């Protein structure tokens, strides 16, 4: 019997999140010149945990700062703070920008939390 495991996520049509490798990869095709563009970014454990949590839970839903602090920091016995959350979100947005994911992909609801548009996310499995 096959064991199907979660591999990661597909954002849009060309961005792949590999959870175990902590990488985000974009492969784009420019069909006019038949050329592929490849870009990649590696995330820290905390950044990947945060991204995965948001991809699973922020699909057109507000994920509160308190929920993130509890599930990303407190659940992993890390010291949580609003400042640390802000820093990791800032780092994550910078890594997403490196591979040309639009800034509005991770929407901030000022003082409340974060939302990701659901239609852009698909879970990838292997097994």
PDB file of N, CA and C in Angstrom:
ATOM      1  N   UNK A   1       0.838  -1.187   0.000  1.00  0.00           N
ATOM      2  CA  UNK A   1       0.000   0.000   0.000  1.00  0.00           C
ATOM      3  C   UNK A   1       0.880   1.246   0.000  1.00  0.00           C
ATOM      4  N   UNK A   2       0.537   2.213  -0.816  1.00  0.00           N
ATOM      5  CA  UNK A   2       1.326   3.440  -0.921  1.00  0.00           C
ATOM      6  C   UNK A   2       1.074   4.364   0.251  1.00  0.00           C
ATOM      7  N   UNK A   3       2.148   4.893   0.783  1.00  0.00           N
ATOM      8  CA  UNK A   3       2.043   5.950   1.786  1.00  0.00           C
ATOM      9  C   UNK A   3       2.167   7.274   1.068  1.00  0.00           C
ATOM     10  N   UNK A   4       1.105   8.039   1.063  1.00  0.00           N
ATOM     11  CA  UNK A   4       1.135   9.336   0.414  1.00  0.00           C
ATOM     12  C   UNK A   4       1.536  10.365   1.456  1.00  0.00           C
ATOM     13  N   UNK A   5       2.585  11.124   1.147  1.00  0.00           N
ATOM     14  CA  UNK A   5       3.095  12.141   2.059  1.00  0.00           C
ATOM     15  C   UNK A   5       3.004  13.513   1.412  1.00  0.00           C
ATOM     16  N   UNK A   6       2.881  14.502   2.267  1.00  0.00           N
ATOM     17  CA  UNK A   6       2.881  15.873   1.777  1.00  0.00           C
ATOM     18  C   UNK A   6       4.311  16.267   1.404  1.00  0.00           C
ATOM     19  N   UNK A   7       4.475  16.745   0.181  1.00  0.00           N
ATOM     20  CA  UNK A   7       5.779  17.194  -0.303  1.00  0.00           C
ATOM     21  C   UNK A   7       5.968  18.682  -0.049  1.00  0.00           C
ATOM     22  N   UNK A   8       4.939  19.449  -0.410  1.00  0.00           N
ATOM     23  CA  UNK A   8       5.032  20.894  -0.300  1.00  0.00           C
ATOM     24  C   UNK A   8       3.820  21.545  -0.922  1.00  0.00           C
ATOM     25  N   UNK A   9       4.061  22.661  -1.594  1.00  0.00           N
ATOM     26  CA  UNK A   9       2.968  23.441  -2.148  1.00  0.00           C
ATOM     27  C   UNK A   9       3.367  24.014  -3.500  1.00  0.00           C
ATOM     28  N   UNK A  10       2.357  24.257  -4.327  1.00  0.00           N
ATOM     29  CA  UNK A  10       2.541  24.969  -5.576  1.00  0.00           C
ATOM     30  C   UNK A  10       1.811  26.296  -5.427  1.00  0.00           C
ATOM     31  N   UNK A  11       2.538  27.383  -5.637  1.00  0.00           N
ATOM     32  CA  UNK A  11       1.965  28.723  -5.574  1.00  0.00           C
ATOM     33  C   UNK A  11       1.865  29.220  -7.007  1.00  0.00           C
ATOM     34  N   UNK A  12       0.650  29.488  -7.436  1.00  0.00           N
ATOM     35  CA  UNK A  12       0.446  29.855  -8.835  1.00  0.00           C
ATOM     36  C   UNK A  12       0.796  28.678  -9.713  1.00  0.00           C
ATOM     37  N   UNK A  13       1.436  28.953 -10.845  1.00  0.00           N
ATOM     38  CA  UNK A  13       1.804  27.888 -11.777  1.00  0.00           C
ATOM     39  C   UNK A  13       3.282  27.543 -11.770  1.00  0.00           C
ATOM     40  N   UNK A  14       4.105  28.353 -11.098  1.00  0.00           N
ATOM     41  CA  UNK A  14       5.534  28.140 -11.276  1.00  0.00           C
ATOM     42  C   UNK A  14       6.397  28.271 -10.024  1.00  0.00           C
ATOM     43  N   UNK A  15       5.787  28.351  -8.846  1.00  0.00           N
ATOM     44  CA  UNK A  15       6.567  28.437  -7.610  1.00  0.00           C
ATOM     45  C   UNK A  15       6.294  27.196  -6.777  1.00  0.00           C
ATOM     46  N   UNK A  16       7.343  26.453  -6.478  1.00  0.00           N
ATOM     47  CA  UNK A  16       7.234  25.221  -5.694  1.00  0.00           C
ATOM     48  C   UNK A  16       7.895  25.417  -4.327  1.00  0.00           C
ATOM     49  N   UNK A  17       7.166  25.053  -3.267  1.00  0.00           N
ATOM     50  CA  UNK A  17       7.693  25.090  -1.905  1.00  0.00           C
ATOM     51  C   UNK A  17       8.011  23.654  -1.508  1.00  0.00           C
ATOM     52  N   UNK A  18       9.297  23.363  -1.281  1.00  0.00           N
ATOM     53  CA  UNK A  18       9.742  22.046  -0.837  1.00  0.00           C
ATOM     54  C   UNK A  18       9.978  22.143   0.667  1.00  0.00           C
ATOM     55  N   UNK A  19       9.075  21.573   1.444  1.00  0.00           N
ATOM     56  CA  UNK A  19       9.105  21.744   2.897  1.00  0.00           C
ATOM     57  C   UNK A  19      10.347  21.113   3.518  1.00  0.00           C
ATOM     58  N   UNK A  20      10.652  19.867   3.170  1.00  0.00           N
ATOM     59  CA  UNK A  20      11.795  19.174   3.794  1.00  0.00           C
ATOM     60  C   UNK A  20      13.129  19.843   3.474  1.00  0.00           C
ATOM     61  N   UNK A  21      13.269  20.349   2.256  1.00  0.00           N
ATOM     62  CA  UNK A  21      14.513  21.005   1.851  1.00  0.00           C
ATOM     63  C   UNK A  21      14.547  22.482   2.235  1.00  0.00           C
ATOM     64  N   UNK A  22      13.429  22.989   2.762  1.00  0.00           N
ATOM     65  CA  UNK A  22      13.287  24.404   3.167  1.00  0.00           C
ATOM     66  C   UNK A  22      13.618  25.350   2.006  1.00  0.00           C
ATOM     67  N   UNK A  23      13.139  24.996   0.811  1.00  0.00           N
ATOM     68  CA  UNK A  23      13.423  25.822  -0.357  1.00  0.00           C
ATOM     69  C   UNK A  23      12.133  26.250  -1.064  1.00  0.00           C
ATOM     70  N   UNK A  24      12.249  27.390  -1.729  1.00  0.00           N
ATOM     71  CA  UNK A  24      11.198  27.879  -2.607  1.00  0.00           C
ATOM     72  C   UNK A  24      11.869  28.067  -3.964  1.00  0.00           C
ATOM     73  N   UNK A  25      11.286  27.457  -5.003  1.00  0.00           N
ATOM     74  CA  UNK A  25      11.893  27.474  -6.323  1.00  0.00           C
ATOM     75  C   UNK A  25      10.871  27.978  -7.342  1.00  0.00           C
ATOM     76  N   UNK A  26      11.330  28.830  -8.239  1.00  0.00           N
ATOM     77  CA  UNK A  26      10.487  29.307  -9.338  1.00  0.00           C
ATOM     78  C   UNK A  26      11.173  28.967 -10.648  1.00  0.00           C
ATOM     79  N   UNK A  27      10.409  28.312 -11.531  1.00  0.00           N
ATOM     80  CA  UNK A  27      10.886  28.023 -12.875  1.00  0.00           C
ATOM     81  C   UNK A  27       9.879  28.639 -13.834  1.00  0.00           C
ATOM     82  N   UNK A  28      10.318  29.649 -14.565  1.00  0.00           N
ATOM     83  CA  UNK A  28       9.437  30.373 -15.483  1.00  0.00           C
ATOM     84  C   UNK A  28       9.895  30.160 -16.911  1.00  0.00           C
ATOM     85  N   UNK A  29       8.929  30.046 -17.804  1.00  0.00           N
ATOM     86  CA  UNK A  29       9.219  29.895 -19.219  1.00  0.00           C
ATOM     87  C   UNK A  29       8.843  31.171 -19.944  1.00  0.00           C
ATOM     88  N   UNK A  30       9.800  31.712 -20.683  1.00  0.00           N
ATOM     89  CA  UNK A  30       9.519  32.825 -21.601  1.00  0.00           C
ATOM     90  C   UNK A  30       9.407  32.188 -22.979  1.00  0.00           C
ATOM     91  N   UNK A  31       8.177  31.904 -23.381  1.00  0.00           N
ATOM     92  CA  UNK A  31       7.962  31.163 -24.626  1.00  0.00           C
ATOM     93  C   UNK A  31       8.378  31.948 -25.870  1.00  0.00           C
ATOM     94  N   UNK A  32       8.429  33.267 -25.773  1.00  0.00           N
ATOM     95  CA  UNK A  32       8.806  34.053 -26.958  1.00  0.00           C
ATOM     96  C   UNK A  32      10.260  33.800 -27.367  1.00  0.00           C
ATOM     97  N   UNK A  33      11.119  33.512 -26.381  1.00  0.00           N
ATOM     98  CA  UNK A  33      12.525  33.233 -26.703  1.00  0.00           C
ATOM     99  C   UNK A  33      12.917  31.801 -26.308  1.00  0.00           C
ATOM    100  N   UNK A  34      11.926  31.017 -25.920  1.00  0.00           N
ATOM    101  CA  UNK A  34      12.151  29.619 -25.516  1.00  0.00           C
ATOM    102  C   UNK A  34      13.269  29.529 -24.484  1.00  0.00           C
ATOM    103  N   UNK A  35      13.073  30.291 -23.418  1.00  0.00           N
ATOM    104  CA  UNK A  35      14.081  30.382 -22.377  1.00  0.00           C
ATOM    105  C   UNK A  35      13.437  30.155 -21.013  1.00  0.00           C
ATOM    106  N   UNK A  36      14.094  29.370 -20.153  1.00  0.00           N
ATOM    107  CA  UNK A  36      13.637  29.167 -18.792  1.00  0.00           C
ATOM    108  C   UNK A  36      14.440  30.049 -17.846  1.00  0.00           C
ATOM    109  N   UNK A  37      13.742  30.575 -16.849  1.00  0.00           N
ATOM    110  CA  UNK A  37      14.395  31.332 -15.789  1.00  0.00           C
ATOM    111  C   UNK A  37      14.198  30.565 -14.491  1.00  0.00           C
ATOM    112  N   UNK A  38      15.274  30.381 -13.757  1.00  0.00           N
ATOM    113  CA  UNK A  38      15.246  29.624 -12.509  1.00  0.00           C
ATOM    114  C   UNK A  38      15.701  30.533 -11.380  1.00  0.00           C
ATOM    115  N   UNK A  39      14.927  30.555 -10.296  1.00  0.00           N
ATOM    116  CA  UNK A  39      15.360  31.270  -9.099  1.00  0.00           C
ATOM    117  C   UNK A  39      14.945  30.454  -7.883  1.00  0.00           C
ATOM    118  N   UNK A  40      15.733  30.558  -6.821  1.00  0.00           N
ATOM    119  CA  UNK A  40      15.478  29.766  -5.624  1.00  0.00           C
ATOM    120  C   UNK A  40      15.870  30.553  -4.389  1.00  0.00           C
ATOM    121  N   UNK A  41      15.223  30.208  -3.284  1.00  0.00           N
ATOM    122  CA  UNK A  41      15.559  30.805  -1.992  1.00  0.00           C
ATOM    123  C   UNK A  41      15.460  29.723  -0.928  1.00  0.00           C
ATOM    124  N   UNK A  42      16.358  29.760   0.027  1.00  0.00           N
ATOM    125  CA  UNK A  42      16.344  28.816   1.138  1.00  0.00           C
ATOM    126  C   UNK A  42      15.856  29.550   2.379  1.00  0.00           C
ATOM    127  N   UNK A  43      15.004  28.880   3.164  1.00  0.00           N
ATOM    128  CA  UNK A  43      14.434  29.487   4.355  1.00  0.00           C
ATOM    129  C   UNK A  43      14.991  28.859   5.625  1.00  0.00           C
ATOM    130  N   UNK A  44      14.939  29.593   6.709  1.00  0.00           N
ATOM    131  CA  UNK A  44      15.277  29.036   8.020  1.00  0.00           C
ATOM    132  C   UNK A  44      14.134  28.123   8.449  1.00  0.00           C
ATOM    133  N   UNK A  45      14.366  27.322   9.475  1.00  0.00           N
ATOM    134  CA  UNK A  45      13.307  26.449   9.989  1.00  0.00           C
ATOM    135  C   UNK A  45      12.074  27.254  10.397  1.00  0.00           C
ATOM    136  N   UNK A  46      12.289  28.341  11.115  1.00  0.00           N
ATOM    137  CA  UNK A  46      11.162  29.147  11.594  1.00  0.00           C
ATOM    138  C   UNK A  46      10.415  29.787  10.432  1.00  0.00           C
ATOM    139  N   UNK A  47      11.132  30.296   9.448  1.00  0.00           N
ATOM    140  CA  UNK A  47      10.481  30.890   8.276  1.00  0.00           C
ATOM    141  C   UNK A  47       9.663  29.850   7.523  1.00  0.00           C
ATOM    142  N   UNK A  48      10.209  28.633   7.351  1.00  0.00           N
ATOM    143  CA  UNK A  48       9.466  27.590   6.649  1.00  0.00           C
ATOM    144  C   UNK A  48       8.250  27.159   7.462  1.00  0.00           C
ATOM    145  N   UNK A  49       8.397  27.010   8.768  1.00  0.00           N
ATOM    146  CA  UNK A  49       7.251  26.665   9.614  1.00  0.00           C
ATOM    147  C   UNK A  49       6.158  27.720   9.490  1.00  0.00           C
ATOM    148  N   UNK A  50       6.559  28.968   9.469  1.00  0.00           N
ATOM    149  CA  UNK A  50       5.600  30.065   9.335  1.00  0.00           C
ATOM    150  C   UNK A  50       4.923  30.023   7.968  1.00  0.00           C
ATOM    151  N   UNK A  51       5.693  29.855   6.896  1.00  0.00           N
ATOM    152  CA  UNK A  51       5.118  29.801   5.560  1.00  0.00           C
ATOM    153  C   UNK A  51       4.142  28.628   5.432  1.00  0.00           C
ATOM    154  N   UNK A  52       4.531  27.447   5.894  1.00  0.00           N
ATOM    155  CA  UNK A  52       3.660  26.270   5.804  1.00  0.00           C
ATOM    156  C   UNK A  52       2.375  26.505   6.590  1.00  0.00           C
ATOM    157  N   UNK A  53       2.497  27.061   7.785  1.00  0.00           N
ATOM    158  CA  UNK A  53       1.297  27.326   8.587  1.00  0.00           C
ATOM    159  C   UNK A  53       0.368  28.290   7.857  1.00  0.00           C
ATOM    160  N   UNK A  54       0.943  29.337   7.279  1.00  0.00           N
ATOM    161  CA  UNK A  54       0.128  30.297   6.541  1.00  0.00           C
ATOM    162  C   UNK A  54      -0.498  29.668   5.300  1.00  0.00           C
ATOM    163  N   UNK A  55       0.262  28.857   4.570  1.00  0.00           N
ATOM    164  CA  UNK A  55      -0.284  28.224   3.369  1.00  0.00           C
ATOM    165  C   UNK A  55      -1.439  27.287   3.708  1.00  0.00           C
ATOM    166  N   UNK A  56      -1.363  26.641   4.861  1.00  0.00           N
ATOM    167  CA  UNK A  56      -2.424  25.720   5.269  1.00  0.00           C
ATOM    168  C   UNK A  56      -3.617  26.430   5.898  1.00  0.00           C
ATOM    169  N   UNK A  57      -3.392  27.578   6.531  1.00  0.00           N
ATOM    170  CA  UNK A  57      -4.444  28.190   7.345  1.00  0.00           C
ATOM    171  C   UNK A  57      -4.889  29.580   6.932  1.00  0.00           C
ATOM    172  N   UNK A  58      -4.110  30.270   6.117  1.00  0.00           N
ATOM    173  CA  UNK A  58      -4.444  31.652   5.760  1.00  0.00           C
ATOM    174  C   UNK A  58      -5.124  31.747   4.399  1.00  0.00           C
ATOM    175  N   UNK A  59      -5.701  30.658   3.941  1.00  0.00           N
ATOM    176  CA  UNK A  59      -6.362  30.621   2.636  1.00  0.00           C
ATOM    177  C   UNK A  59      -7.647  31.423   2.681  1.00  0.00           C
ATOM    178  N   UNK A  60      -7.555  32.687   2.328  1.00  0.00           N
ATOM    179  CA  UNK A  60      -8.689  33.609   2.372  1.00  0.00           C
ATOM    180  C   UNK A  60      -9.233  33.790   3.789  1.00  0.00           C
ATOM    181  N   UNK A  61      -8.481  33.350   4.781  1.00  0.00           N
ATOM    182  CA  UNK A  61      -8.869  33.515   6.185  1.00  0.00           C
ATOM    183  C   UNK A  61      -7.786  34.292   6.915  1.00  0.00           C
ATOM    184  N   UNK A  62      -8.204  35.112   7.851  1.00  0.00           N
ATOM    185  CA  UNK A  62      -7.247  35.846   8.674  1.00  0.00           C
ATOM    186  C   UNK A  62      -6.623  34.900   9.691  1.00  0.00           C
ATOM    187  N   UNK A  63      -5.302  34.839   9.707  1.00  0.00           N
ATOM    188  CA  UNK A  63      -4.577  34.119  10.754  1.00  0.00           C
ATOM    189  C   UNK A  63      -4.021  35.196  11.673  1.00  0.00           C
ATOM    190  N   UNK A  64      -4.431  35.157  12.931  1.00  0.00           N
ATOM    191  CA  UNK A  64      -4.046  36.218  13.859  1.00  0.00           C
ATOM    192  C   UNK A  64      -2.582  36.092  14.271  1.00  0.00           C
ATOM    193  N   UNK A  65      -2.038  37.220  14.696  1.00  0.00           N
ATOM    194  CA  UNK A  65      -0.671  37.229  15.206  1.00  0.00           C
ATOM    195  C   UNK A  65      -0.536  36.291  16.402  1.00  0.00           C
ATOM    196  N   UNK A  66      -1.541  36.294  17.275  1.00  0.00           N
ATOM    197  CA  UNK A  66      -1.516  35.439  18.464  1.00  0.00           C
ATOM    198  C   UNK A  66      -1.474  33.962  18.079  1.00  0.00           C
ATOM    199  N   UNK A  67      -2.250  33.593  17.052  1.00  0.00           N
ATOM    200  CA  UNK A  67      -2.260  32.206  16.563  1.00  0.00           C
ATOM    201  C   UNK A  67      -0.881  31.821  16.046  1.00  0.00           C
ATOM    202  N   UNK A  68      -0.254  32.716  15.296  1.00  0.00           N
ATOM    203  CA  UNK A  68       1.079  32.442  14.764  1.00  0.00           C
ATOM    204  C   UNK A  68       2.108  32.319  15.882  1.00  0.00           C
ATOM    205  N   UNK A  69       2.074  33.222  16.829  1.00  0.00           N
ATOM    206  CA  UNK A  69       3.028  33.170  17.942  1.00  0.00           C
ATOM    207  C   UNK A  69       2.886  31.861  18.710  1.00  0.00           C
ATOM    208  N   UNK A  70       1.663  31.428  18.914  1.00  0.00           N
ATOM    209  CA  UNK A  70       1.419  30.187  19.654  1.00  0.00           C
ATOM    210  C   UNK A  70       1.854  28.956  18.861  1.00  0.00           C
ATOM    211  N   UNK A  71       1.508  28.906  17.577  1.00  0.00           N
ATOM    212  CA  UNK A  71       1.747  27.702  16.786  1.00  0.00           C
ATOM    213  C   UNK A  71       3.127  27.614  16.156  1.00  0.00           C
ATOM    214  N   UNK A  72       3.806  28.727  15.984  1.00  0.00           N
ATOM    215  CA  UNK A  72       5.137  28.699  15.374  1.00  0.00           C
ATOM    216  C   UNK A  72       6.234  28.798  16.431  1.00  0.00           C
ATOM    217  N   UNK A  73       6.074  29.658  17.391  1.00  0.00           N
ATOM    218  CA  UNK A  73       7.111  29.834  18.407  1.00  0.00           C
ATOM    219  C   UNK A  73       6.838  29.004  19.658  1.00  0.00           C
ATOM    220  N   UNK A  74       5.731  29.244  20.325  1.00  0.00           N
ATOM    221  CA  UNK A  74       5.450  28.563  21.596  1.00  0.00           C
ATOM    222  C   UNK A  74       5.408  27.043  21.432  1.00  0.00           C
ATOM    223  N   UNK A  75       4.805  26.551  20.358  1.00  0.00           N
ATOM    224  CA  UNK A  75       4.693  25.107  20.130  1.00  0.00           C
ATOM    225  C   UNK A  75       6.045  24.447  19.892  1.00  0.00           C
ATOM    226  N   UNK A  76       7.036  25.227  19.493  1.00  0.00           N
ATOM    227  CA  UNK A  76       8.386  24.698  19.253  1.00  0.00           C
ATOM    228  C   UNK A  76       9.368  25.134  20.355  1.00  0.00           C
ATOM    229  N   UNK A  77       8.811  25.538  21.491  1.00  0.00           N
ATOM    230  CA  UNK A  77       9.615  25.969  22.647  1.00  0.00           C
ATOM    231  C   UNK A  77      10.584  27.092  22.310  1.00  0.00           C
ATOM    232  N   UNK A  78      10.115  28.017  21.465  1.00  0.00           N
ATOM    233  CA  UNK A  78      10.889  29.211  21.135  1.00  0.00           C
ATOM    234  C   UNK A  78      10.252  30.408  21.814  1.00  0.00           C
ATOM    235  N   UNK A  79      11.042  31.412  22.084  1.00  0.00           N
ATOM    236  CA  UNK A  79      10.518  32.613  22.714  1.00  0.00           C
ATOM    237  C   UNK A  79       9.781  33.446  21.676  1.00  0.00           C
ATOM    238  N   UNK A  80       8.520  33.726  21.944  1.00  0.00           N
ATOM    239  CA  UNK A  80       7.697  34.460  20.990  1.00  0.00           C
ATOM    240  C   UNK A  80       7.575  35.932  21.387  1.00  0.00           C
ATOM    241  N   UNK A  81       7.444  36.766  20.339  1.00  0.00           N
ATOM    242  CA  UNK A  81       7.183  38.182  20.554  1.00  0.00           C
ATOM    243  C   UNK A  81       6.667  38.771  19.251  1.00  0.00           C
ATOM    244  N   UNK A  82       5.942  39.855  19.351  1.00  0.00           N
ATOM    245  CA  UNK A  82       5.462  40.534  18.150  1.00  0.00           C
ATOM    246  C   UNK A  82       6.633  41.015  17.295  1.00  0.00           C
ATOM    247  N   UNK A  83       7.702  41.445  17.923  1.00  0.00           N
ATOM    248  CA  UNK A  83       8.894  41.901  17.211  1.00  0.00           C
ATOM    249  C   UNK A  83       9.507  40.762  16.399  1.00  0.00           C
ATOM    250  N   UNK A  84       9.608  39.588  17.006  1.00  0.00           N
ATOM    251  CA  UNK A  84      10.185  38.433  16.308  1.00  0.00           C
ATOM    252  C   UNK A  84       9.297  38.024  15.135  1.00  0.00           C
ATOM    253  N   UNK A  85       7.980  38.022  15.339  1.00  0.00           N
ATOM    254  CA  UNK A  85       7.049  37.707  14.253  1.00  0.00           C
ATOM    255  C   UNK A  85       7.240  38.687  13.102  1.00  0.00           C
ATOM    256  N   UNK A  86       7.314  39.976  13.416  1.00  0.00           N
ATOM    257  CA  UNK A  86       7.502  40.996  12.392  1.00  0.00           C
ATOM    258  C   UNK A  86       8.797  40.746  11.616  1.00  0.00           C
ATOM    259  N   UNK A  87       9.880  40.407  12.337  1.00  0.00           N
ATOM    260  CA  UNK A  87      11.170  40.158  11.688  1.00  0.00           C
ATOM    261  C   UNK A  87      11.100  38.978  10.730  1.00  0.00           C
ATOM    262  N   UNK A  88      10.475  37.890  11.165  1.00  0.00           N
ATOM    263  CA  UNK A  88      10.407  36.691  10.322  1.00  0.00           C
ATOM    264  C   UNK A  88       9.487  36.926   9.126  1.00  0.00           C
ATOM    265  N   UNK A  89       8.382  37.644   9.315  1.00  0.00           N
ATOM    266  CA  UNK A  89       7.503  37.989   8.191  1.00  0.00           C
ATOM    267  C   UNK A  89       8.273  38.844   7.188  1.00  0.00           C
ATOM    268  N   UNK A  90       9.036  39.807   7.674  1.00  0.00           N
ATOM    269  CA  UNK A  90       9.825  40.675   6.802  1.00  0.00           C
ATOM    270  C   UNK A  90      10.848  39.847   6.011  1.00  0.00           C
ATOM    271  N   UNK A  91      11.546  38.920   6.685  1.00  0.00           N
ATOM    272  CA  UNK A  91      12.513  38.048   6.022  1.00  0.00           C
ATOM    273  C   UNK A  91      11.820  37.154   4.987  1.00  0.00           C
ATOM    274  N   UNK A  92      10.666  36.615   5.338  1.00  0.00           N
ATOM    275  CA  UNK A  92       9.917  35.754   4.426  1.00  0.00           C
ATOM    276  C   UNK A  92       9.477  36.518   3.184  1.00  0.00           C
ATOM    277  N   UNK A  93       8.946  37.725   3.377  1.00  0.00           N
ATOM    278  CA  UNK A  93       8.539  38.540   2.226  1.00  0.00           C
ATOM    279  C   UNK A  93       9.737  38.871   1.333  1.00  0.00           C
ATOM    280  N   UNK A  94      10.894  39.107   1.930  1.00  0.00           N
ATOM    281  CA  UNK A  94      12.103  39.389   1.144  1.00  0.00           C
ATOM    282  C   UNK A  94      12.509  38.175   0.320  1.00  0.00           C
ATOM    283  N   UNK A  95      12.448  36.985   0.901  1.00  0.00           N
ATOM    284  CA  UNK A  95      12.784  35.753   0.168  1.00  0.00           C
ATOM    285  C   UNK A  95      11.777  35.517  -0.955  1.00  0.00           C
ATOM    286  N   UNK A  96      10.497  35.759  -0.695  1.00  0.00           N
ATOM    287  CA  UNK A  96       9.479  35.604  -1.735  1.00  0.00           C
ATOM    288  C   UNK A  96       9.716  36.604  -2.869  1.00  0.00           C
ATOM    289  N   UNK A  97      10.147  37.808  -2.528  1.00  0.00           N
ATOM    290  CA  UNK A  97      10.419  38.828  -3.542  1.00  0.00           C
ATOM    291  C   UNK A  97      11.596  38.425  -4.434  1.00  0.00           C
ATOM    292  N   UNK A  98      12.585  37.748  -3.863  1.00  0.00           N
ATOM    293  CA  UNK A  98      13.756  37.303  -4.636  1.00  0.00           C
ATOM    294  C   UNK A  98      13.318  36.395  -5.778  1.00  0.00           C
ATOM    295  N   UNK A  99      12.294  35.602  -5.561  1.00  0.00           N
ATOM    296  CA  UNK A  99      11.834  34.706  -6.628  1.00  0.00           C
ATOM    297  C   UNK A  99      10.595  35.264  -7.325  1.00  0.00           C
ATOM    298  N   UNK A 100      10.370  36.557  -7.162  1.00  0.00           N
ATOM    299  CA  UNK A 100       9.329  37.305  -7.887  1.00  0.00           C
ATOM    300  C   UNK A 100       7.897  36.918  -7.512  1.00  0.00           C
ATOM    301  N   UNK A 101       7.674  36.539  -6.251  1.00  0.00           N
ATOM    302  CA  UNK A 101       6.306  36.380  -5.765  1.00  0.00           C
ATOM    303  C   UNK A 101       5.841  37.780  -5.364  1.00  0.00           C
ATOM    304  N   UNK A 102       4.709  38.242  -5.893  1.00  0.00           N
ATOM    305  CA  UNK A 102       4.256  39.602  -5.605  1.00  0.00           C
ATOM    306  C   UNK A 102       4.055  39.840  -4.103  1.00  0.00           C
ATOM    307  N   UNK A 103       4.363  41.047  -3.663  1.00  0.00           N
ATOM    308  CA  UNK A 103       4.248  41.409  -2.249  1.00  0.00           C
ATOM    309  C   UNK A 103       2.835  41.189  -1.713  1.00  0.00           C
ATOM    310  N   UNK A 104       1.822  41.397  -2.568  1.00  0.00           N
ATOM    311  CA  UNK A 104       0.436  41.242  -2.115  1.00  0.00           C
ATOM    312  C   UNK A 104       0.023  39.782  -1.936  1.00  0.00           C
ATOM    313  N   UNK A 105       0.907  38.824  -2.259  1.00  0.00           N
ATOM    314  CA  UNK A 105       0.602  37.414  -2.008  1.00  0.00           C
ATOM    315  C   UNK A 105       0.365  37.176  -0.520  1.00  0.00           C
ATOM    316  N   UNK A 106       1.200  37.784   0.318  1.00  0.00           N
ATOM    317  CA  UNK A 106       1.048  37.673   1.774  1.00  0.00           C
ATOM    318  C   UNK A 106       0.519  39.012   2.262  1.00  0.00           C
ATOM    319  N   UNK A 107      -0.796  39.073   2.445  1.00  0.00           N
ATOM    320  CA  UNK A 107      -1.455  40.321   2.823  1.00  0.00           C
ATOM    321  C   UNK A 107      -1.442  40.506   4.334  1.00  0.00           C
ATOM    322  N   UNK A 108      -1.104  41.710   4.748  1.00  0.00           N
ATOM    323  CA  UNK A 108      -1.108  42.062   6.163  1.00  0.00           C
ATOM    324  C   UNK A 108      -2.389  42.797   6.497  1.00  0.00           C
ATOM    325  N   UNK A 109      -3.072  42.331   7.528  1.00  0.00           N
ATOM    326  CA  UNK A 109      -4.218  43.050   8.079  1.00  0.00           C
ATOM    327  C   UNK A 109      -3.680  43.755   9.315  1.00  0.00           C
ATOM    328  N   UNK A 110      -3.361  45.013   9.162  1.00  0.00           N
ATOM    329  CA  UNK A 110      -2.619  45.784  10.165  1.00  0.00           C
ATOM    330  C   UNK A 110      -3.131  45.558  11.595  1.00  0.00           C
ATOM    331  N   UNK A 111      -2.211  45.112  12.451  1.00  0.00           N
ATOM    332  CA  UNK A 111      -2.504  44.906  13.857  1.00  0.00           C
ATOM    333  C   UNK A 111      -3.283  43.637  14.166  1.00  0.00           C
ATOM    334  N   UNK A 112      -3.658  42.880  13.119  1.00  0.00           N
ATOM    335  CA  UNK A 112      -4.477  41.686  13.352  1.00  0.00           C
ATOM    336  C   UNK A 112      -3.777  40.395  12.948  1.00  0.00           C
ATOM    337  N   UNK A 113      -3.327  40.322  11.680  1.00  0.00           N
ATOM    338  CA  UNK A 113      -2.715  39.084  11.217  1.00  0.00           C
ATOM    339  C   UNK A 113      -2.460  39.102   9.725  1.00  0.00           C
ATOM    340  N   UNK A 114      -2.572  37.914   9.088  1.00  0.00           N
ATOM    341  CA  UNK A 114      -2.166  37.753   7.694  1.00  0.00           C
ATOM    342  C   UNK A 114      -3.158  36.886   6.924  1.00  0.00           C
ATOM    343  N   UNK A 115      -3.247  37.140   5.613  1.00  0.00           N
ATOM    344  CA  UNK A 115      -4.144  36.407   4.719  1.00  0.00           C
ATOM    345  C   UNK A 115      -3.382  36.097   3.425  1.00  0.00           C
ATOM    346  N   UNK A 116      -3.601  34.896   2.871  1.00  0.00           N
ATOM    347  CA  UNK A 116      -3.049  34.512   1.572  1.00  0.00           C
ATOM    348  C   UNK A 116      -4.229  34.153   0.671  1.00  0.00           C
ATOM    349  N   UNK A 117      -4.223  34.622  -0.587  1.00  0.00           N
ATOM    350  CA  UNK A 117      -5.320  34.270  -1.502  1.00  0.00           C
ATOM    351  C   UNK A 117      -5.356  32.762  -1.791  1.00  0.00           C
ATOM    352  N   UNK A 118      -6.465  32.134  -1.494  1.00  0.00           N
ATOM    353  CA  UNK A 118      -6.622  30.683  -1.602  1.00  0.00           C
ATOM    354  C   UNK A 118      -6.402  30.151  -3.018  1.00  0.00           C
ATOM    355  N   UNK A 119      -6.874  30.850  -4.026  1.00  0.00           N
ATOM    356  CA  UNK A 119      -6.843  30.325  -5.387  1.00  0.00           C
ATOM    357  C   UNK A 119      -5.426  30.093  -5.898  1.00  0.00           C
ATOM    358  N   UNK A 120      -4.433  30.616  -5.232  1.00  0.00           N
ATOM    359  CA  UNK A 120      -3.055  30.488  -5.714  1.00  0.00           C
ATOM    360  C   UNK A 120      -2.307  29.302  -5.117  1.00  0.00           C
ATOM    361  N   UNK A 121      -2.921  28.516  -4.219  1.00  0.00           N
ATOM    362  CA  UNK A 121      -2.198  27.497  -3.468  1.00  0.00           C
ATOM    363  C   UNK A 121      -2.744  26.096  -3.756  1.00  0.00           C
ATOM    364  N   UNK A 122      -1.825  25.177  -4.055  1.00  0.00           N
ATOM    365  CA  UNK A 122      -2.178  23.769  -4.174  1.00  0.00           C
ATOM    366  C   UNK A 122      -1.175  22.952  -3.379  1.00  0.00           C
ATOM    367  N   UNK A 123      -1.671  21.974  -2.628  1.00  0.00           N
ATOM    368  CA  UNK A 123      -0.795  21.082  -1.876  1.00  0.00           C
ATOM    369  C   UNK A 123      -0.272  20.001  -2.810  1.00  0.00           C
ATOM    370  N   UNK A 124       1.018  19.702  -2.696  1.00  0.00           N
ATOM    371  CA  UNK A 124       1.665  18.675  -3.514  1.00  0.00           C
ATOM    372  C   UNK A 124       1.967  17.455  -2.634  1.00  0.00           C
ATOM    373  N   UNK A 125       1.742  16.270  -3.191  1.00  0.00           N
ATOM    374  CA  UNK A 125       1.981  15.015  -2.461  1.00  0.00           C
ATOM    375  C   UNK A 125       2.898  14.111  -3.270  1.00  0.00           C
ATOM    376  N   UNK A 126       3.528  13.141  -2.589  1.00  0.00           N
ATOM    377  CA  UNK A 126       4.264  12.093  -3.278  1.00  0.00           C
ATOM    378  C   UNK A 126       4.045  10.801  -2.523  1.00  0.00           C
ATOM    379  N   UNK A 127       4.340   9.713  -3.179  1.00  0.00           N
ATOM    380  CA  UNK A 127       4.198   8.432  -2.486  1.00  0.00           C
ATOM    381  C   UNK A 127       3.876   7.290  -3.385  1.00  0.00           C
TER     382      UNK A 127
END
